[in-house]
Amino acid sequence: MKKSVIRNGFIIVLLLSNALFIYSWLMAPERRHHGPRNEIIEKLHFDEKQVEQYDVLIQAHRKSIESAQRELQGQKQQLYANLDKPFSDSLLQEILKVEAKIEHIHFNHFKDIEKLCRPDQKNYFKALNREIAQLFSPGKRPGP
């Protein structure tokens, strides 16, 4: 009897946690938001062909960022794995180089987005420039 009570309790906990997960997923669509892709498409008035090209840019950008982030994580892990040794200025310089590389990747991504714009969309891109930092800041979204 004791095993069946534990098993039944475990099953109830699993069912409740799944129900809670589904509820939170349905009630919070902004959590499923994967960056400002749709917002940028809307603000720049991209047509279907531009959206396809933009999606290719996004994939390349993500791949580059993920690679740089792995590199950065490895360097940080190396830095903190050696807490018993003197601080490594050379490792810090390498970390800063990768962080600068990440910013260059982002900057070039926005320049590539600008290249997708037709001449009649350039003003939309200029207006978007003022919002780019907020669009990509974690937890901070521009207001309406």
Protein backbone atom coordinates (compact mmCIF):
# COMPACT_ATOMS: atom_id res chain seq x y z
CA MET A 1 0.00 0.00 0.00
CA LYS A 2 2.81 2.41 0.82
CA LYS A 3 4.33 2.09 -2.67
CA SER A 4 0.99 2.74 -4.37
CA VAL A 5 0.41 5.89 -2.29
CA ILE A 6 3.86 7.21 -3.23
CA ARG A 7 3.32 6.27 -6.89
CA ASN A 8 -0.12 7.93 -6.97
CA GLY A 9 1.25 11.04 -5.28
CA PHE A 10 4.06 11.20 -7.81
CA ILE A 11 1.59 10.85 -10.69
CA ILE A 12 -0.58 13.65 -9.28
CA VAL A 13 2.47 15.93 -8.93
CA LEU A 14 3.47 15.20 -12.54
CA LEU A 15 -0.05 15.89 -13.82
CA LEU A 16 -0.26 19.16 -11.90
CA SER A 17 3.16 20.31 -13.08
CA ASN A 18 2.24 19.52 -16.71
CA ALA A 19 -1.05 21.38 -16.35
CA LEU A 20 0.77 24.37 -14.85
CA PHE A 21 3.31 24.32 -17.67
CA ILE A 22 0.60 24.21 -20.36
CA TYR A 23 -1.35 26.99 -18.65
CA SER A 24 1.71 29.25 -18.38
CA TRP A 25 2.64 28.52 -22.00
CA LEU A 26 -0.83 29.42 -23.25
CA MET A 27 -1.21 32.50 -21.06
CA ALA A 28 2.21 34.02 -21.75
CA PRO A 29 2.81 34.10 -25.52
CA GLU A 30 5.56 36.72 -25.09
CA ARG A 31 7.66 34.00 -23.44
CA ARG A 32 7.67 32.16 -26.75
CA HIS A 33 8.96 35.28 -28.47
CA HIS A 34 12.31 34.55 -30.09
CA GLY A 35 13.67 38.01 -30.63
CA PRO A 36 12.20 40.99 -32.42
CA ARG A 37 11.97 39.33 -35.87
CA ASN A 38 8.30 40.05 -36.50
CA GLU A 39 8.51 43.54 -35.06
CA ILE A 40 11.41 44.41 -37.39
CA ILE A 41 9.60 42.93 -40.39
CA GLU A 42 6.54 45.03 -39.56
CA LYS A 43 8.45 48.25 -38.88
CA LEU A 44 10.48 47.96 -42.10
CA HIS A 45 7.45 46.90 -44.18
CA PHE A 46 9.31 43.92 -45.65
CA ASP A 47 7.71 42.02 -48.51
CA GLU A 48 7.77 38.21 -48.74
CA LYS A 49 11.10 38.05 -50.56
CA GLN A 50 12.71 40.36 -48.01
CA VAL A 51 11.32 38.24 -45.18
CA GLU A 52 12.89 35.13 -46.71
CA GLN A 53 16.22 36.93 -47.05
CA TYR A 54 15.91 38.26 -43.50
CA ASP A 55 15.28 34.74 -42.17
CA VAL A 56 18.51 33.59 -43.85
CA LEU A 57 20.35 36.50 -42.19
CA ILE A 58 18.86 35.59 -38.82
CA GLN A 59 20.06 31.99 -39.10
CA ALA A 60 23.58 33.07 -40.04
CA HIS A 61 23.59 35.65 -37.24
CA ARG A 62 22.46 33.12 -34.64
CA LYS A 63 25.11 30.65 -35.78
CA SER A 64 27.86 33.29 -35.49
CA ILE A 65 26.63 34.49 -32.09
CA GLU A 66 26.31 30.97 -30.71
CA SER A 67 29.87 30.19 -31.79
CA ALA A 68 31.23 33.36 -30.20
CA GLN A 69 29.19 32.72 -27.03
CA ARG A 70 30.68 29.22 -26.74
CA GLU A 71 34.14 30.70 -27.15
CA LEU A 72 33.39 33.33 -24.51
CA GLN A 73 31.98 30.76 -22.11
CA GLY A 74 35.09 28.61 -22.48
CA GLN A 75 37.36 31.54 -21.73
CA LYS A 76 35.32 32.57 -18.70
CA GLN A 77 35.34 29.02 -17.43
CA GLN A 78 39.13 28.97 -17.81
CA LEU A 79 39.40 32.28 -15.95
CA TYR A 80 37.28 31.14 -13.01
CA ALA A 81 38.76 27.64 -12.91
CA ASN A 82 42.04 29.27 -11.88
CA LEU A 83 40.88 31.21 -8.85
CA ASP A 84 43.78 29.80 -6.87
CA LYS A 85 46.23 31.54 -9.24
CA PRO A 86 46.87 35.26 -9.85
CA PHE A 87 44.38 37.09 -12.05
CA SER A 88 45.15 36.61 -15.75
CA ASP A 89 45.19 39.93 -17.59
CA SER A 90 45.95 38.13 -20.85
CA LEU A 91 42.87 35.92 -20.47
CA LEU A 92 40.81 39.00 -19.66
CA GLN A 93 42.06 40.59 -22.89
CA GLU A 94 40.96 37.48 -24.80
CA ILE A 95 37.52 37.68 -23.18
CA LEU A 96 37.24 41.35 -24.15
CA LYS A 97 38.23 40.51 -27.74
CA VAL A 98 35.42 37.96 -27.97
CA GLU A 99 32.92 40.42 -26.47
CA ALA A 100 34.02 42.98 -29.06
CA LYS A 101 33.66 40.30 -31.75
CA ILE A 102 30.07 39.70 -30.59
CA GLU A 103 29.28 43.42 -30.88
CA HIS A 104 30.79 43.46 -34.38
CA ILE A 105 28.60 40.49 -35.33
CA HIS A 106 25.50 42.36 -34.11
CA PHE A 107 26.53 45.59 -35.84
CA ASN A 108 27.17 43.82 -39.15
CA HIS A 109 23.84 42.02 -38.82
CA PHE A 110 22.04 45.37 -38.66
CA LYS A 111 24.02 46.65 -41.64
CA ASP A 112 22.93 43.52 -43.53
CA ILE A 113 19.32 44.20 -42.58
CA GLU A 114 19.73 47.73 -43.93
CA LYS A 115 20.97 46.28 -47.24
CA LEU A 116 17.69 44.38 -47.56
CA CYS A 117 15.74 47.64 -47.51
CA ARG A 118 14.52 49.21 -50.69
CA PRO A 119 15.08 52.97 -51.05
CA ASP A 120 11.50 53.63 -49.89
CA GLN A 121 12.21 51.67 -46.69
CA LYS A 122 15.41 53.48 -45.71
CA ASN A 123 13.54 56.02 -43.56
CA TYR A 124 11.86 53.17 -41.68
CA PHE A 125 15.30 51.71 -41.02
CA LYS A 126 16.58 55.07 -39.75
CA ALA A 127 13.62 55.24 -37.35
CA LEU A 128 14.31 51.67 -36.25
CA ASN A 129 17.94 52.59 -35.47
CA ARG A 130 16.72 54.59 -32.48
CA GLU A 131 14.99 51.50 -31.08
CA ILE A 132 17.55 48.79 -31.83
CA ALA A 133 19.20 48.83 -28.40
CA GLN A 134 15.82 48.47 -26.67
CA LEU A 135 14.62 45.79 -29.08
CA PHE A 136 17.54 43.55 -28.22
CA SER A 137 17.86 44.35 -24.51
CA PRO A 138 16.73 41.45 -22.35
CA GLY A 139 13.55 42.28 -20.49
CA LYS A 140 13.24 45.78 -21.93
CA ARG A 141 10.80 46.25 -24.76
CA PRO A 142 9.83 49.60 -26.21
CA GLY A 143 6.36 50.84 -25.42
CA PRO A 144 3.59 51.30 -27.99
